[in-house]
Protein backbone atom coordinates (compact mmCIF):
# COMPACT_ATOMS: atom_id res chain seq x y z
CA UNK A 1 16.95 34.46 -21.12
CA UNK A 2 17.20 30.66 -20.91
CA UNK A 3 16.41 28.74 -24.09
CA UNK A 4 13.54 26.33 -23.35
CA UNK A 5 14.20 23.04 -25.07
CA UNK A 6 10.93 21.53 -23.79
CA UNK A 7 9.09 23.88 -26.15
CA UNK A 8 11.02 22.40 -29.08
CA UNK A 9 10.60 18.78 -28.00
CA UNK A 10 8.69 17.61 -24.92
CA UNK A 11 10.33 14.19 -25.18
CA UNK A 12 13.95 15.25 -24.64
CA UNK A 13 15.42 13.02 -21.94
CA UNK A 14 19.08 14.10 -22.14
CA UNK A 15 20.91 17.20 -23.36
CA UNK A 16 24.18 19.09 -22.99
CA UNK A 17 24.34 22.73 -21.92
CA UNK A 18 26.84 25.34 -20.79
CA UNK A 19 26.77 26.15 -17.08
CA UNK A 20 26.46 29.95 -17.02
CA UNK A 21 26.42 30.44 -13.25
CA UNK A 22 26.40 28.56 -9.95
CA UNK A 23 25.50 30.25 -6.66
CA UNK A 24 24.81 29.10 -3.12
CA UNK A 25 21.10 29.03 -2.24
CA UNK A 26 19.89 28.14 1.29
CA UNK A 27 22.26 25.22 1.70
CA UNK A 28 21.78 24.15 -1.92
CA UNK A 29 22.94 25.55 -5.26
CA UNK A 30 21.21 27.58 -7.95
CA UNK A 31 22.43 26.70 -11.45
CA UNK A 32 21.72 28.63 -14.65
CA UNK A 33 22.23 26.83 -17.97
CA UNK A 34 22.49 28.18 -21.50
CA UNK A 35 19.47 26.06 -22.40
CA UNK A 36 17.32 23.56 -20.57
CA UNK A 37 14.74 20.82 -20.99
CA UNK A 38 13.82 21.00 -17.28
CA UNK A 39 10.30 22.41 -16.90
CA UNK A 40 10.05 24.84 -13.93
CA UNK A 41 7.24 24.84 -11.39
CA UNK A 42 4.52 26.79 -13.13
CA UNK A 43 0.79 26.87 -13.75
CA UNK A 44 -0.13 24.31 -11.09
CA UNK A 45 2.47 21.75 -12.21
CA UNK A 46 5.55 20.84 -10.18
CA UNK A 47 9.06 21.13 -11.61
CA UNK A 48 10.98 18.40 -13.38
CA UNK A 49 13.77 16.60 -11.52
CA UNK A 50 16.91 14.85 -12.71
CA UNK A 51 20.66 15.55 -12.90
CA UNK A 52 23.01 18.25 -14.15
CA UNK A 53 26.22 16.28 -14.35
CA UNK A 54 26.47 14.60 -10.95
CA UNK A 55 24.30 17.24 -9.23
CA UNK A 56 20.75 16.20 -8.38
CA UNK A 57 18.10 18.68 -9.58
CA UNK A 58 15.65 19.15 -6.70
CA UNK A 59 13.57 22.05 -8.02
CA UNK A 60 13.37 24.37 -11.02
CA UNK A 61 12.15 27.97 -10.97
CA UNK A 62 11.76 30.73 -13.54
CA UNK A 63 12.30 34.42 -12.83
CA UNK A 64 12.39 37.13 -15.50
CA UNK A 65 12.76 34.53 -18.28
CA UNK A 66 15.80 32.95 -16.57
CA UNK A 67 15.43 29.35 -15.36
CA UNK A 68 17.18 28.45 -12.10
CA UNK A 69 17.91 24.80 -11.31
CA UNK A 70 18.12 24.10 -7.56
CA UNK A 71 20.65 21.30 -6.99
CA UNK A 72 22.14 19.42 -4.05
CA UNK A 73 25.69 20.38 -5.10
CA UNK A 74 27.58 22.28 -7.77
CA UNK A 75 27.81 20.43 -11.12
CA UNK A 76 31.19 18.84 -11.76
CA UNK A 77 31.42 19.54 -15.50
CA UNK A 78 31.03 22.48 -17.86
CA UNK A 79 29.48 21.93 -20.35
CA UNK A 80 27.26 19.60 -18.33
CA UNK A 81 25.43 16.51 -19.48
CA UNK A 82 21.86 16.74 -18.15
CA UNK A 83 19.25 14.02 -17.71
CA UNK A 84 15.57 14.37 -16.85
CA UNK A 85 13.54 11.94 -14.74
CA UNK A 86 11.48 11.30 -17.84
CA UNK A 87 9.13 8.67 -16.43
CA UNK A 88 7.87 11.26 -13.94
CA UNK A 89 7.74 13.93 -16.68
CA UNK A 90 5.74 11.70 -19.04
CA UNK A 91 3.18 10.89 -16.33
CA UNK A 92 2.69 14.64 -15.83
CA UNK A 93 2.32 15.12 -19.59
CA UNK A 94 -0.38 12.43 -19.71
CA UNK A 95 -2.27 13.98 -16.79
CA UNK A 96 -1.97 17.59 -17.96
CA UNK A 97 -3.17 16.84 -21.48
CA UNK A 98 -6.04 14.78 -20.04
CA UNK A 99 -7.09 17.75 -17.91
CA UNK A 100 -7.15 19.95 -21.03
CA UNK A 101 -9.44 17.48 -22.80
CA UNK A 102 -11.85 17.27 -19.85
CA UNK A 103 -11.93 21.05 -19.40
CA UNK A 104 -12.40 21.51 -23.14
CA UNK A 105 -15.55 19.40 -23.08
CA UNK A 106 -16.79 21.07 -19.88
CA UNK A 107 -16.40 24.46 -21.58
CA UNK A 108 -17.93 23.29 -24.86
CA UNK A 109 -20.95 21.51 -23.34
CA UNK A 110 -21.71 23.65 -20.29
CA UNK A 111 -19.90 26.95 -20.87
CA UNK A 112 -17.85 26.60 -17.69
CA UNK A 113 -14.25 27.75 -17.28
CA UNK A 114 -11.32 26.21 -15.46
CA UNK A 115 -10.43 28.51 -12.54
CA UNK A 116 -7.91 26.33 -10.67
CA UNK A 117 -5.50 23.48 -11.38
CA UNK A 118 -3.06 21.37 -9.37
CA UNK A 119 -1.11 18.39 -10.68
CA UNK A 120 -0.28 16.50 -7.48
CA UNK A 121 1.86 13.44 -6.86
CA UNK A 122 -1.09 11.03 -7.11
CA UNK A 123 -3.95 12.82 -8.83
CA UNK A 124 -5.02 15.99 -10.61
CA UNK A 125 -7.39 18.49 -9.01
CA UNK A 126 -9.10 21.25 -10.96
CA UNK A 127 -11.94 23.69 -10.31
CA UNK A 128 -14.60 25.01 -12.68
CA UNK A 129 -16.83 28.04 -12.13
CA UNK A 130 -20.18 26.26 -12.13
CA UNK A 131 -21.97 23.28 -10.65
CA UNK A 132 -21.75 19.87 -12.34
CA UNK A 133 -23.48 16.66 -11.31
CA UNK A 134 -22.46 13.01 -11.57
CA UNK A 135 -24.37 12.41 -14.80
CA UNK A 136 -22.74 15.39 -16.51
CA UNK A 137 -19.28 14.29 -15.40
CA UNK A 138 -19.93 10.74 -16.64
CA UNK A 139 -20.81 12.20 -20.04
CA UNK A 140 -17.67 14.36 -20.07
CA UNK A 141 -15.50 11.41 -19.00
CA UNK A 142 -16.84 9.24 -21.84
CA UNK A 143 -16.31 11.97 -24.43
CA UNK A 144 -12.80 12.62 -23.14
CA UNK A 145 -11.88 8.95 -23.49
CA UNK A 146 -13.33 8.85 -26.99
CA UNK A 147 -10.96 11.72 -27.79
CA UNK A 148 -8.12 9.59 -26.41
CA UNK A 149 -9.16 6.59 -28.53
CA UNK A 150 -9.28 8.83 -31.62
CA UNK A 151 -5.52 9.43 -31.18
CA UNK A 152 -5.61 12.95 -32.62
CA UNK A 153 -2.46 15.04 -33.03
CA UNK A 154 -1.75 17.76 -30.48
CA UNK A 155 -0.19 20.98 -31.77
CA UNK A 156 1.65 23.58 -29.70
CA UNK A 157 2.53 26.98 -31.19
CA UNK A 158 3.00 30.69 -30.49
CA UNK A 159 0.51 32.71 -32.58
CA UNK A 160 1.19 36.33 -33.48
CA UNK A 161 -0.80 39.06 -31.67
CA UNK A 162 -2.93 39.43 -34.81
CA UNK A 163 -3.55 35.68 -35.01
CA UNK A 164 -4.38 35.43 -31.32
CA UNK A 165 -6.91 38.25 -31.63
CA UNK A 166 -8.92 36.12 -34.06
CA UNK A 167 -8.63 32.84 -32.16
CA UNK A 168 -11.01 31.21 -29.73
CA UNK A 169 -9.09 29.60 -26.88
CA UNK A 170 -9.38 29.00 -23.16
CA UNK A 171 -7.22 31.03 -20.78
CA UNK A 172 -7.35 32.07 -17.13
CA UNK A 173 -5.68 35.38 -18.06
CA UNK A 174 -6.32 37.99 -20.74
CA UNK A 175 -3.15 37.48 -22.80
CA UNK A 176 -2.06 39.16 -26.04
CA UNK A 177 1.70 38.47 -26.38
CA UNK A 178 3.91 35.42 -25.91
CA UNK A 179 0.88 33.15 -25.75
CA UNK A 180 1.56 29.45 -26.26
CA UNK A 181 -1.47 27.55 -27.50
CA UNK A 182 -2.02 23.84 -26.99
CA UNK A 183 -4.52 22.69 -29.62
CA UNK A 184 -6.03 19.21 -29.30
CA UNK A 185 -7.74 18.58 -32.64
CA UNK A 186 -11.23 20.07 -32.58
CA UNK A 187 -11.65 19.24 -28.90
CA UNK A 188 -9.82 22.10 -27.21
CA UNK A 189 -7.53 25.11 -27.61
CA UNK A 190 -5.96 26.48 -24.47
CA UNK A 191 -3.12 28.79 -23.45
CA UNK A 192 -0.55 26.69 -21.57
CA UNK A 193 3.19 26.74 -20.82
CA UNK A 194 3.62 23.06 -19.91
CA UNK A 195 4.87 20.06 -21.94
CA UNK A 196 2.14 17.85 -23.43
CA UNK A 197 1.96 14.51 -25.24
CA UNK A 198 1.98 14.61 -29.05
CA UNK A 199 -1.09 12.40 -29.60
CA UNK A 200 -4.13 11.86 -27.39
CA UNK A 201 -3.69 8.08 -27.63
CA UNK A 202 -0.56 8.38 -25.47
CA UNK A 203 -2.83 9.20 -22.51
CA UNK A 204 -4.35 5.72 -22.52
CA UNK A 205 -7.21 6.36 -20.10
CA UNK A 206 -8.89 9.25 -18.28
CA UNK A 207 -10.86 8.61 -15.07
CA UNK A 208 -12.80 11.13 -12.99
CA UNK A 209 -12.37 10.00 -9.39
CA UNK A 210 -14.59 12.36 -7.43
CA UNK A 211 -16.12 15.83 -7.31
CA UNK A 212 -17.64 18.25 -4.82
CA UNK A 213 -19.26 21.68 -4.75
CA UNK A 214 -16.60 24.27 -4.06
CA UNK A 215 -16.98 28.07 -3.77
CA UNK A 216 -20.01 28.17 -6.02
CA UNK A 217 -18.42 25.86 -8.57
CA UNK A 218 -17.15 22.29 -8.72
CA UNK A 219 -13.84 20.74 -7.66
CA UNK A 220 -12.93 17.63 -9.63
CA UNK A 221 -10.34 14.92 -8.94
CA UNK A 222 -9.01 12.82 -11.83
CA UNK A 223 -6.22 10.48 -12.91
CA UNK A 224 -4.92 9.58 -16.34
CA UNK A 225 -2.36 7.42 -18.12
CA UNK A 226 -0.06 5.41 -15.89
CA UNK A 227 -1.67 6.86 -12.77
CA UNK A 228 -5.06 5.59 -13.97
CA UNK A 229 -3.55 2.12 -14.37
CA UNK A 230 -2.06 2.23 -10.86
CA UNK A 231 -5.37 3.49 -9.45
CA UNK A 232 -7.33 0.73 -11.21
CA UNK A 233 -4.85 -1.96 -10.18
CA UNK A 234 -5.03 -0.92 -6.52
CA UNK A 235 -8.82 -0.83 -6.49
CA UNK A 236 -9.09 -4.09 -8.42
CA UNK A 237 -6.86 -5.89 -5.90
CA UNK A 238 -9.02 -4.53 -3.06
CA UNK A 239 -12.23 -5.62 -4.79
CA UNK A 240 -10.72 -9.06 -5.41
CA UNK A 241 -9.88 -9.43 -1.70
CA UNK A 242 -13.35 -8.26 -0.64
CA UNK A 243 -14.87 -10.71 -3.13
CA UNK A 244 -12.88 -13.56 -1.59
CA UNK A 245 -13.75 -12.53 1.98
CA UNK A 246 -17.47 -12.25 1.24
CA UNK A 247 -17.71 -15.13 -1.26
CA UNK A 248 -19.45 -12.70 -3.60
CA UNK A 249 -18.84 -12.05 -7.31
CA UNK A 250 -16.73 -8.94 -7.81
CA UNK A 251 -19.60 -6.99 -9.39
CA UNK A 252 -21.81 -7.70 -6.35
CA UNK A 253 -19.38 -6.82 -3.54
CA UNK A 254 -20.99 -3.44 -2.78
CA UNK A 255 -24.45 -5.00 -2.46
CA UNK A 256 -23.16 -7.85 -0.28
CA UNK A 257 -21.15 -5.48 1.92
CA UNK A 258 -24.26 -3.34 2.33
CA UNK A 259 -26.15 -6.37 3.65
CA UNK A 260 -23.26 -7.28 5.94
CA UNK A 261 -23.11 -3.76 7.33
CA UNK A 262 -26.86 -3.74 7.94
CA UNK A 263 -26.62 -7.07 9.75
CA UNK A 264 -23.61 -5.83 11.70
CA UNK A 265 -25.52 -2.75 12.82
CA UNK A 266 -28.49 -4.88 13.92
CA UNK A 267 -26.19 -7.16 15.95
CA UNK A 268 -24.42 -4.13 17.41
CA UNK A 269 -27.73 -2.70 18.63
CA UNK A 270 -28.78 -6.06 20.09
CA UNK A 271 -25.43 -6.34 21.87
CA UNK A 272 -25.83 -2.82 23.22
CA UNK A 273 -29.23 -3.73 24.68
CA UNK A 274 -27.81 -6.94 26.16
CA UNK A 275 -24.94 -5.06 27.81
CA UNK A 276 -27.32 -2.46 29.26
CA UNK A 277 -29.50 -5.27 30.61
CA UNK A 278 -26.40 -6.88 32.11
CA UNK A 279 -25.45 -3.57 33.75
CA UNK A 280 -28.94 -3.27 35.24
CA UNK A 281 -28.69 -6.88 36.45
CA UNK A 282 -25.39 -6.06 38.18
CA UNK A 283 -27.13 -3.10 39.79
CA UNK A 284 -29.92 -5.31 41.11
CA UNK A 285 -27.33 -7.53 42.84
CA UNK A 286 -25.95 -4.68 44.94
CA UNK A 287 -27.15 -5.11 48.55
CA UNK A 288 -28.63 -2.30 50.59
CA UNK A 289 -25.62 -0.32 51.76
CA UNK A 290 -25.20 2.19 54.56
CA UNK A 291 -22.69 4.89 53.63
CA UNK A 292 -20.63 5.05 50.44
CA UNK A 293 -19.79 2.28 47.96
CA UNK A 294 -17.06 2.08 45.28
CA UNK A 295 -17.27 -0.58 42.53
CA UNK A 296 -15.24 -1.12 39.35
CA UNK A 297 -16.42 -2.78 36.13
CA UNK A 298 -13.33 -2.55 33.86
CA UNK A 299 -15.21 -3.21 30.59
CA UNK A 300 -18.29 -1.02 31.14
CA UNK A 301 -18.98 2.05 29.01
CA UNK A 302 -20.40 5.27 30.45
CA UNK A 303 -23.99 4.37 29.34
CA UNK A 304 -23.57 0.99 31.06
CA UNK A 305 -22.26 2.63 34.24
CA UNK A 306 -25.32 4.90 34.17
CA UNK A 307 -27.69 1.93 33.69
CA UNK A 308 -26.00 0.16 36.63
CA UNK A 309 -26.18 3.27 38.81
CA UNK A 310 -29.85 3.94 38.08
CA UNK A 311 -30.69 0.55 39.62
CA UNK A 312 -28.06 0.40 42.37
CA UNK A 313 -27.98 4.00 43.66
CA UNK A 314 -31.35 3.90 45.50
CA UNK A 315 -29.94 1.06 47.65
CA UNK A 316 -26.89 3.09 48.75
CA UNK A 317 -27.55 5.64 51.48
CA UNK A 318 -24.43 7.69 50.75
CA UNK A 319 -22.51 8.01 47.49
CA UNK A 320 -22.26 5.27 44.85
CA UNK A 321 -19.04 5.46 42.80
CA UNK A 322 -19.22 3.28 39.68
CA UNK A 323 -15.91 3.01 37.80
CA UNK A 324 -14.66 1.50 34.56
CA UNK A 325 -11.00 1.22 33.64
CA UNK A 326 -7.58 0.67 35.13
CA UNK A 327 -5.30 2.58 37.50
CA UNK A 328 -4.52 6.00 36.06
CA UNK A 329 -7.41 5.92 33.60
CA UNK A 330 -10.89 5.51 35.08
CA UNK A 331 -14.25 6.65 33.74
CA UNK A 332 -16.68 7.40 36.54
CA UNK A 333 -20.40 7.77 37.20
CA UNK A 334 -21.13 8.96 40.74
CA UNK A 335 -24.69 8.93 42.10
CA UNK A 336 -26.38 9.96 45.33
CA UNK A 337 -29.86 10.76 46.59
CA UNK A 338 -28.53 12.32 49.80
CA UNK A 339 -25.60 14.49 48.64
CA UNK A 340 -25.69 17.37 46.14
CA UNK A 341 -22.94 16.12 43.84
CA UNK A 342 -22.90 19.25 41.70
CA UNK A 343 -21.66 21.14 44.76
CA UNK A 344 -19.00 18.48 45.45
CA UNK A 345 -17.72 17.80 41.92
CA UNK A 346 -15.00 20.48 41.91
CA UNK A 347 -13.52 19.19 45.16
CA UNK A 348 -13.74 15.54 44.02
CA UNK A 349 -12.01 16.29 40.71
CA UNK A 350 -9.33 18.35 42.43
CA UNK A 351 -8.47 15.56 44.90
CA UNK A 352 -8.51 12.75 42.34
CA UNK A 353 -7.05 14.42 39.21
CA UNK A 354 -10.46 14.30 37.62
CA UNK A 355 -12.56 16.03 35.01
CA UNK A 356 -16.32 15.99 34.71
CA UNK A 357 -19.64 17.31 35.93
CA UNK A 358 -23.36 16.74 35.82
CA UNK A 359 -26.55 17.04 37.87
CA UNK A 360 -27.06 17.22 41.65
CA UNK A 361 -27.86 13.49 41.83
CA UNK A 362 -25.37 12.19 39.21
CA UNK A 363 -22.04 13.30 37.80
CA UNK A 364 -19.75 11.64 35.26
CA UNK A 365 -16.19 12.08 34.08
CA UNK A 366 -12.72 10.58 34.50
CA UNK A 367 -10.00 10.11 37.14
CA UNK A 368 -6.25 9.81 36.54
CA UNK A 369 -5.41 8.09 39.83
CA UNK A 370 -5.37 4.56 41.27
CA UNK A 371 -8.37 2.58 42.53
CA UNK A 372 -6.90 2.55 46.03
CA UNK A 373 -6.72 6.35 46.10
CA UNK A 374 -10.34 6.62 44.92
CA UNK A 375 -11.46 4.19 47.65
CA UNK A 376 -9.42 6.02 50.29
CA UNK A 377 -11.15 9.28 49.38
CA UNK A 378 -14.75 8.01 49.37
CA UNK A 379 -14.51 5.36 52.11
CA UNK A 380 -12.67 7.45 54.74
């Protein structure tokens, strides 16, 4: 059994320990220490990283009460001086404690339980077994931050089986022995194996980012502590840039952007109509033609090729091939009032590396050949 120093003090950054064993492990090394402050991957939280001597700790796992440190090489000293990437650890402590506070209020106010948890690299995701709306989450977020501002002490302890039988606490499992309780004042009591901050004030800020219905419950995304600061700073810089681009006060950027987008959509629709009118105008300029005709409008879209063809095709006795694109990448609309194009489309596509289909009088698709090859085929 490995002695877990992180249960004694979650703030240990450095420690010395005996190296009990070192074994090769899939191109890396598995190191067992007499005691460790490295938290293993467990309960939805990733493992701590750092160094055992000069060996980089890449992962930490626990099996049968023994903690295995996965390193890039064998440690050079025994006993070994170990250091934890504490900045990363502390961020996880802030986020994990914040999640406990949020889930404590969700359970207290709405009777819902936490049924899933993942502490990712950028944000925390957790699931509860019931549906919550935006207003409810806003209330929970405010209460959670008031708990942070209150700076209450957080206690962690292992109650006896008799004590645990008389306690009210949150847990995903029905546990009776070896239960570690994380108690956050009167806000929450929860079974948890992870390191936590000592006072709620160390969290700084809790922010619910988003939520969605998920498997009959609610999935919630959140950030806290340093991650909340980084998230706010990033969004603030974006808002500041949008404010400068739109000449709008920062608190009005959403409203101004909404107007811009509405205006943009109106202009887009007007442009679409203008381009269709232009395509029809091009169609009206096509002279009466005996036989087949191939034309290319490099900038036309398929709807514009169709608009052109609807006007021009009646003036072409054979097949009208309207193209848009460049050699090796053409969109096509082919029209005819004298040839059943549905019967010809397979042959056309086969000869011209094409794909597409349609009606007897009009087909559309694409060719992967040159303009000269297309003309050679239809104008022979």
